[in-house]
Protein backbone atom coordinates (compact mmCIF):
# COMPACT_ATOMS: atom_id res chain seq x y z
CA MET A 1 17.29 16.25 0.69
CA TYR A 2 14.66 13.65 1.13
CA GLN A 3 10.98 14.79 1.44
CA ALA A 4 8.66 12.33 3.18
CA PRO A 5 5.50 12.00 1.11
CA ARG A 6 2.09 11.76 2.44
CA ILE A 7 -0.23 8.95 1.07
CA THR A 8 -3.81 7.95 1.66
CA MET A 9 -4.22 4.13 2.47
CA THR A 10 -7.53 2.50 2.34
CA MET A 11 -8.40 -1.34 3.19
CA LEU A 12 -11.17 -3.34 1.75
CA GLY A 13 -12.38 -6.61 2.92
CA ALA A 14 -15.36 -8.60 3.89
CA SER A 15 -16.69 -8.75 7.37
CA GLY A 16 -14.69 -10.97 9.57
CA CYS A 17 -11.72 -11.31 7.34
CA GLY A 18 -9.21 -9.79 9.90
CA LYS A 19 -8.82 -6.25 8.76
CA THR A 20 -8.87 -4.59 12.09
CA THR A 21 -6.78 -7.26 13.79
CA TYR A 22 -4.21 -6.85 11.08
CA LEU A 23 -4.10 -3.29 11.77
CA HIS A 24 -3.48 -3.81 15.40
CA GLY A 25 -0.77 -6.39 14.80
CA MET A 26 0.99 -4.39 12.20
CA TYR A 27 1.16 -1.39 14.48
CA ALA A 28 2.32 -3.41 17.36
CA VAL A 29 5.18 -4.93 15.41
CA LEU A 30 6.35 -1.64 13.96
CA SER A 31 5.74 0.56 17.01
CA SER A 32 8.11 -1.74 18.76
CA GLY A 33 10.84 -1.32 16.05
CA LEU A 34 11.69 -3.70 13.42
CA ASN A 35 15.24 -3.46 11.81
CA GLY A 36 15.40 0.13 12.76
CA TYR A 37 12.05 0.90 11.24
CA PHE A 38 9.22 2.33 13.25
CA LEU A 39 5.48 3.24 12.92
CA TYR A 40 3.85 5.73 15.13
CA ALA A 41 0.43 7.16 15.49
CA THR A 42 0.68 10.99 15.71
CA ASP A 43 -2.34 11.12 18.01
CA PRO A 44 -1.14 9.89 21.46
CA ASP A 45 -4.66 8.59 22.36
CA LYS A 46 -4.77 6.54 19.13
CA ASP A 47 -1.37 5.16 20.01
CA LEU A 48 -2.66 4.10 23.46
CA ASP A 49 -5.92 2.66 22.10
CA LEU A 50 -3.85 0.48 19.51
CA ALA A 51 -1.37 -0.60 22.21
CA ASP A 52 -4.03 -1.53 24.87
CA ALA A 53 -5.99 -3.60 22.32
CA TRP A 54 -2.62 -5.51 21.39
CA ASP A 55 -1.80 -5.96 24.98
CA GLU A 56 -5.32 -7.43 25.77
CA LEU A 57 -4.78 -9.82 22.80
CA CYS A 58 -1.28 -10.92 24.05
CA ALA A 59 -2.40 -11.27 27.80
CA ALA A 60 -5.99 -12.51 27.64
CA GLY A 61 -6.46 -13.67 23.96
CA THR A 62 -9.21 -11.13 23.17
CA LEU A 63 -9.28 -10.13 19.68
CA PRO A 64 -9.97 -6.37 18.89
CA GLU A 65 -13.52 -5.51 18.36
CA ALA A 66 -14.56 -5.05 14.73
CA THR A 67 -15.14 -1.52 13.61
CA ASP A 68 -18.59 -0.16 13.58
CA VAL A 69 -20.33 2.17 11.16
CA VAL A 70 -18.11 5.06 12.03
CA PRO A 71 -14.66 4.62 10.40
CA VAL A 72 -11.66 5.04 12.67
CA ASP A 73 -9.13 7.63 11.45
CA TYR A 74 -5.35 7.15 11.91
CA GLU A 75 -2.47 9.38 11.12
CA PHE A 76 0.79 7.41 10.99
CA ALA A 77 4.43 8.33 10.67
CA PHE A 78 6.76 5.59 9.30
CA LYS A 79 10.36 6.20 10.21
CA HIS A 80 13.57 4.74 10.08
CA GLY A 81 15.47 5.89 13.30
CA MET A 82 14.56 9.61 13.52
CA THR A 83 14.09 10.20 9.82
CA THR A 84 10.32 10.19 8.78
CA LEU A 85 10.03 8.34 5.51
CA LEU A 86 6.30 8.20 5.12
CA GLU A 87 3.11 9.85 6.49
CA ILE A 88 0.17 7.69 6.25
CA ASP A 89 -3.62 8.76 6.21
CA PHE A 90 -5.41 5.62 7.19
CA GLN A 91 -9.08 4.85 7.97
CA ASP A 92 -10.40 1.52 9.27
CA TYR A 93 -13.91 0.83 7.78
CA ARG A 94 -16.30 -1.97 8.68
CA GLY A 95 -16.55 -4.74 6.18
CA GLY A 96 -20.09 -3.90 5.36
CA ALA A 97 -19.06 -0.55 4.10
CA GLY A 98 -17.55 -1.99 0.85
CA THR A 99 -20.42 -4.44 0.24
CA ASP A 100 -23.85 -2.67 1.38
CA ARG A 101 -25.98 -0.94 -1.19
CA MET A 102 -25.59 2.64 -1.52
CA GLY A 103 -29.08 3.44 -2.62
CA THR A 104 -30.96 1.72 -0.02
CA ALA A 105 -33.12 3.68 2.32
CA GLY A 106 -31.21 4.22 5.62
CA ALA A 107 -27.95 3.13 4.11
CA SER A 108 -25.05 3.96 6.43
CA ALA A 109 -23.03 7.01 5.52
CA ASP A 110 -19.73 5.10 5.55
CA VAL A 111 -20.85 3.31 2.32
CA THR A 112 -20.57 6.52 0.33
CA ALA A 113 -17.67 7.90 2.38
CA LEU A 114 -15.50 4.60 1.32
CA LYS A 115 -16.29 5.20 -2.30
CA GLU A 116 -15.08 8.75 -2.06
CA ARG A 117 -11.99 7.79 -0.31
CA LEU A 118 -10.91 4.98 -2.63
CA ALA A 119 -11.13 7.69 -5.33
CA VAL A 120 -8.12 9.55 -3.76
CA SER A 121 -6.25 6.59 -2.37
CA ASP A 122 -2.60 5.89 -3.14
CA THR A 123 -2.66 2.46 -1.80
CA ILE A 124 -5.50 -0.08 -1.71
CA ILE A 125 -5.27 -3.08 0.63
CA LEU A 126 -7.69 -5.90 -0.45
CA ALA A 127 -7.92 -8.26 2.54
CA LEU A 128 -8.98 -11.90 1.71
CA ASP A 129 -9.74 -14.37 4.25
CA GLY A 130 -7.33 -17.31 4.24
CA GLN A 131 -9.96 -19.75 5.15
CA HIS A 132 -12.08 -18.90 2.06
CA VAL A 133 -8.82 -18.84 -0.08
CA ALA A 134 -7.99 -22.35 1.29
CA ASP A 135 -11.48 -23.47 0.17
CA TRP A 136 -10.77 -21.92 -3.30
CA ILE A 137 -7.67 -23.89 -3.50
CA ASN A 138 -9.59 -27.06 -2.79
CA ASP A 139 -11.92 -26.51 -5.49
CA GLY A 140 -9.29 -27.37 -7.88
CA ALA A 141 -7.12 -29.71 -5.92
CA GLY A 142 -7.67 -32.78 -8.53
CA ASP A 143 -6.69 -30.37 -11.56
CA ALA A 144 -3.67 -31.87 -13.22
CA ARG A 145 -2.46 -28.31 -13.62
CA ASP A 146 -2.85 -27.82 -9.83
CA ARG A 147 -4.96 -24.90 -10.54
CA PRO A 148 -7.98 -23.90 -8.13
CA GLY A 149 -11.52 -23.71 -9.14
CA ASP A 150 -12.83 -20.41 -11.08
CA MET A 151 -14.38 -18.08 -8.56
CA ARG A 152 -17.04 -17.44 -11.00
CA ASN A 153 -18.15 -21.03 -10.95
CA ARG A 154 -18.78 -21.03 -7.24
CA SER A 155 -22.26 -20.85 -5.89
CA GLY A 156 -21.11 -17.70 -3.76
CA ASP A 157 -18.73 -15.14 -3.49
CA PRO A 158 -17.79 -15.02 0.31
CA MET A 159 -14.92 -12.75 -0.08
CA HIS A 160 -17.09 -10.34 -2.13
CA ILE A 161 -14.16 -10.25 -4.79
CA ALA A 162 -16.48 -9.23 -7.51
CA ARG A 163 -17.75 -6.18 -5.65
CA PHE A 164 -14.36 -5.08 -4.52
CA SER A 165 -12.98 -5.74 -8.11
CA ARG A 166 -15.50 -3.39 -9.49
CA ALA A 167 -14.60 -0.63 -6.84
CA ILE A 168 -10.89 -1.11 -7.70
CA SER A 169 -11.47 -0.92 -11.45
CA THR A 170 -13.25 2.37 -11.19
CA VAL A 171 -10.51 3.75 -9.22
CA VAL A 172 -7.92 2.61 -11.73
CA GLU A 173 -9.68 3.77 -14.88
CA ALA A 174 -10.16 7.10 -13.49
CA HIS A 175 -6.36 7.63 -12.60
CA VAL A 176 -5.32 6.28 -16.15
CA ARG A 177 -7.72 8.70 -17.91
CA GLN A 178 -6.35 11.66 -15.98
CA GLY A 179 -2.95 10.52 -16.53
CA GLU A 180 -2.19 9.99 -12.87
CA GLN A 181 -0.13 7.32 -10.97
CA THR A 182 -2.31 4.30 -10.36
CA PRO A 183 -2.71 3.19 -6.74
CA ALA A 184 -0.48 0.42 -5.23
CA ILE A 185 -2.66 -2.66 -4.69
CA ILE A 186 -1.89 -5.09 -1.90
CA VAL A 187 -3.64 -8.42 -1.67
CA LEU A 188 -3.46 -9.14 2.09
CA LEU A 189 -3.96 -12.83 2.60
CA THR A 190 -5.05 -13.11 6.37
CA LYS A 191 -5.16 -15.96 8.51
CA CYS A 192 -2.41 -17.93 6.80
CA ASP A 193 -2.11 -20.31 9.70
CA VAL A 194 -5.37 -22.09 8.57
CA LEU A 195 -4.25 -22.88 4.91
CA ALA A 196 -2.44 -26.10 5.79
CA GLN A 197 -5.23 -27.28 7.96
CA ILE A 198 -7.80 -26.85 5.30
CA THR A 199 -5.92 -27.81 2.18
CA GLY A 200 -3.84 -30.58 3.55
CA ARG A 201 -0.81 -29.17 2.04
CA PRO A 202 2.35 -27.48 3.57
CA THR A 203 1.52 -23.70 3.85
CA ARG A 204 4.29 -22.96 1.54
CA ASP A 205 2.69 -25.23 -1.27
CA ALA A 206 -0.65 -23.68 -0.72
CA LEU A 207 0.86 -20.11 -1.00
CA ASP A 208 2.51 -21.27 -4.14
CA VAL A 209 -0.67 -22.16 -5.75
CA VAL A 210 -2.05 -18.71 -4.91
CA ARG A 211 1.01 -17.14 -6.23
CA ARG A 212 0.84 -18.90 -9.60
CA ASN A 213 -2.93 -18.41 -9.91
CA LEU A 214 -3.55 -14.98 -8.30
CA PHE A 215 -5.24 -13.44 -11.32
CA ASP A 216 -7.79 -16.36 -11.50
CA LEU A 217 -8.69 -15.43 -8.10
CA VAL A 218 -8.83 -11.59 -8.66
CA PRO A 219 -8.73 -11.02 -12.49
CA VAL A 220 -9.17 -7.28 -12.33
CA LEU A 221 -5.57 -7.03 -10.90
CA ALA A 222 -3.87 -8.32 -14.03
CA HIS A 223 -4.26 -4.81 -15.81
CA GLN A 224 -2.49 -1.46 -15.26
CA VAL A 225 -1.60 -1.99 -11.74
CA THR A 226 1.29 -3.00 -9.69
CA VAL A 227 0.40 -5.66 -6.93
CA LEU A 228 1.92 -7.21 -3.77
CA LEU A 229 0.62 -10.66 -2.76
CA CYS A 230 1.27 -10.50 1.08
CA PRO A 231 0.25 -13.52 3.18
CA VAL A 232 0.13 -12.51 6.86
CA GLN A 233 -0.84 -14.08 10.14
CA ILE A 234 -1.33 -12.91 13.68
CA GLY A 235 -0.88 -16.22 15.28
CA THR A 236 -1.13 -19.96 14.89
CA PHE A 237 -4.80 -20.03 16.15
CA GLY A 238 -6.24 -22.62 13.81
CA LEU A 239 -9.96 -23.24 13.23
CA ASP A 240 -10.71 -25.40 16.31
CA ARG A 241 -11.76 -22.50 18.78
CA GLU A 242 -14.89 -22.57 20.76
CA ASP A 243 -15.01 -18.63 20.89
CA ALA A 244 -14.48 -16.88 17.63
CA LEU A 245 -13.34 -13.77 19.65
CA LYS A 246 -10.99 -15.59 21.79
CA VAL A 247 -7.55 -17.07 21.09
CA ARG A 248 -4.62 -18.54 23.13
CA PRO A 249 -2.16 -15.81 23.93
CA ASP A 250 0.80 -18.20 23.64
CA GLN A 251 -0.09 -18.87 19.95
CA VAL A 252 0.47 -15.22 18.92
CA ASN A 253 3.07 -15.35 16.30
CA PRO A 254 2.91 -12.24 13.66
CA LYS A 255 4.49 -12.72 10.24
CA ASN A 256 4.89 -10.23 7.45
CA LEU A 257 2.72 -7.73 9.04
CA HIS A 258 4.98 -4.69 8.15
CA LYS A 259 5.28 -5.52 4.34
CA PRO A 260 2.38 -3.52 3.14
CA ILE A 261 3.84 -0.31 4.54
CA SER A 262 7.30 -1.16 2.83
CA PHE A 263 5.56 -1.77 -0.58
CA ALA A 264 3.31 1.35 -0.28
CA LEU A 265 6.45 3.37 0.18
CA MET A 266 8.48 1.75 -2.55
CA HIS A 267 5.69 2.00 -5.10
CA TYR A 268 5.10 5.78 -4.42
CA LEU A 269 8.76 6.55 -4.61
CA THR A 270 9.44 4.32 -7.71
CA GLU A 271 6.54 5.69 -9.68
CA ARG A 272 7.26 9.30 -8.85
CA LEU A 273 10.85 9.01 -9.77
CA PRO A 274 10.44 9.33 -13.72
CA ARG A 275 8.40 12.65 -13.08
CA GLN A 276 11.24 14.03 -10.78
CA GLN A 277 13.89 13.09 -13.35
CA GLU A 278 11.83 14.79 -15.95
CA SER A 279 11.74 17.88 -13.79
CA LEU A 280 15.54 17.73 -13.30
CA SER A 281 16.13 17.52 -17.14
CA GLY A 282 13.80 20.50 -17.67
CA LEU A 283 15.89 22.47 -15.06
CA ASP A 284 19.09 21.43 -16.83
CA GLN A 285 17.89 22.59 -20.25
CA ARG A 286 16.68 25.95 -18.68
CA LEU A 287 20.05 26.49 -17.04
CA ASP A 288 21.89 25.64 -20.30
CA SER A 289 19.72 27.98 -22.15
CA GLN A 290 20.22 30.99 -19.68
CA ARG A 291 24.06 30.42 -19.59
CA GLN A 292 24.20 30.53 -23.27
CA GLU A 293 22.19 33.73 -23.32
CA VAL A 294 24.41 35.40 -20.66
CA GLU A 295 27.48 34.41 -22.73
CA SER A 296 25.76 35.93 -25.88
CA LEU A 297 25.05 39.15 -24.05
CA ARG A 298 28.60 39.52 -22.81
CA ASN A 299 29.85 39.18 -26.31
CA GLY A 300 27.07 41.18 -27.99
CA PHE A 301 26.71 44.96 -28.98
CA LEU A 302 23.63 45.94 -26.92
CA GLY A 303 23.98 49.21 -24.84
CA SER A 304 25.89 48.46 -21.59
CA TRP A 305 23.00 49.47 -19.33
CA ILE A 306 20.53 47.12 -21.19
CA LYS A 307 23.00 44.43 -21.28
CA ARG A 308 23.89 44.66 -17.46
CA GLY A 309 20.30 44.58 -16.60
CA ARG A 310 19.39 41.50 -18.56
CA ILE A 311 22.52 39.80 -17.46
CA ASN A 312 21.78 40.57 -13.74
CA ALA A 313 18.21 39.11 -14.23
CA LEU A 314 19.43 36.06 -15.89
CA GLU A 315 22.12 35.30 -13.16
CA SER A 316 19.47 35.69 -10.56
CA SER A 317 17.35 33.18 -12.41
CA ILE A 318 20.31 30.88 -12.68
CA ASP A 319 20.98 31.04 -8.99
CA ALA A 320 17.34 30.09 -8.14
CA ASP A 321 17.35 27.30 -10.74
CA ARG A 322 20.64 25.90 -9.18
CA ALA A 323 19.12 25.88 -5.93
CA ARG A 324 15.92 24.06 -7.15
CA ARG A 325 18.03 21.49 -9.20
CA GLY A 326 20.07 20.87 -6.01
CA GLU A 327 16.76 20.22 -4.08
CA THR A 328 15.44 18.05 -6.82
CA ALA A 329 18.61 16.13 -7.20
CA GLY A 330 18.60 15.40 -3.61
CA GLU A 331 15.05 14.32 -3.43
CA ILE A 332 15.72 11.83 -6.43
CA GLY A 333 18.89 10.52 -4.55
CA GLY A 334 16.93 10.02 -1.31
CA ALA A 335 13.90 8.45 -3.15
CA ARG A 336 16.24 6.08 -4.84
CA VAL A 337 18.02 4.94 -1.68
CA TRP A 338 14.81 4.31 0.18
CA ALA A 339 12.97 2.65 -2.74
CA GLU A 340 16.00 0.24 -2.93
CA GLN A 341 15.78 -0.47 0.95
CA MET A 342 12.09 -1.35 0.63
CA ALA A 343 12.82 -3.53 -2.39
CA GLU A 344 15.31 -5.47 -0.52
CA ASP A 345 12.89 -6.02 2.43
CA LEU A 346 10.31 -7.31 -0.32
CA ARG A 347 12.79 -9.26 -2.25
CA THR A 348 11.18 -12.65 -1.58
CA SER A 349 7.63 -11.25 -1.82
CA PRO A 350 5.54 -11.96 -5.07
CA ILE A 351 5.14 -8.45 -6.82
CA TYR A 352 3.22 -8.32 -10.20
CA ARG A 353 3.16 -5.52 -12.69
CA ASP A 354 0.68 -5.42 -15.49
CA GLY A 355 -0.25 -9.05 -14.89
CA LYS A 356 3.42 -10.32 -14.95
CA LEU A 357 5.25 -11.69 -11.85
CA GLN A 358 8.33 -9.57 -11.33
CA GLU A 359 11.30 -12.11 -10.98
CA ASP A 360 14.73 -11.37 -9.11
């Protein structure tokens, strides 16, 4: 029988890149239901907070308020119909929590809290502002190979990629040393509606540049991790707005907001499968050994009372192992089914493993 895993999901990103707005949009899309899948906040008050903020965006064009120095906790359940597929421990941090100095006098507590949380995260979302990504594309627009400029040669790092890369590298190295599953990494490319406006290219062409050159943009992700590149948008708001906190409600047009959840589940199940299969093989070997011993005892010359006691103990152990084997086999079967379902949802999305783009 399928057992829904519980994961810790953490999002990194510079201030103003759209992390909180993405969260609200993702929840709005999935809480309403998408192809039979749903996402619910287990706290009814959090559900209402998220729904009210989205309603305000759709009715009045008011973007959600940025997260302050106190992170916001969410507990989500990702479901297909009535079946819970994934439980998610999610925290929304302000952008400065990932870029402020830890040792500075008066430093906010969320800076240290974010570092500690990253260390135990199963999924890390790195949110990159589409406006800055478009500028990066333009830096190399004249290159014959159609490659963007090197971020290291720019006068600044507005997306704080170097700082976030160091944080991700520290976490991945710790997992590898301990022989643990490395976290899923999602590069969330926000505000994709501005790519065409800034680069002068069709959005598809601009995204193709990012797809082909992702590791020039974020080099640390070329090693020991599985990465989803996920372009998203909340609407077609563009750059020409008088008020940065207001948009036109009729331009709300969410795209791809659910895919990070699909990827988080697929990665967790896929990476866990080999260990489950190893456990199943161990149970099979143990069962074979116990059965052989029972057969040997029945054909042997030990005293009947000794033989009977040992056989009874072995048969009890065999029954328990059979039950465990059935449970493990059921978990493996369920995990494969749902991993394949998530993979189908992500079939057209760029996924990289150890620096290589996974082709269909």
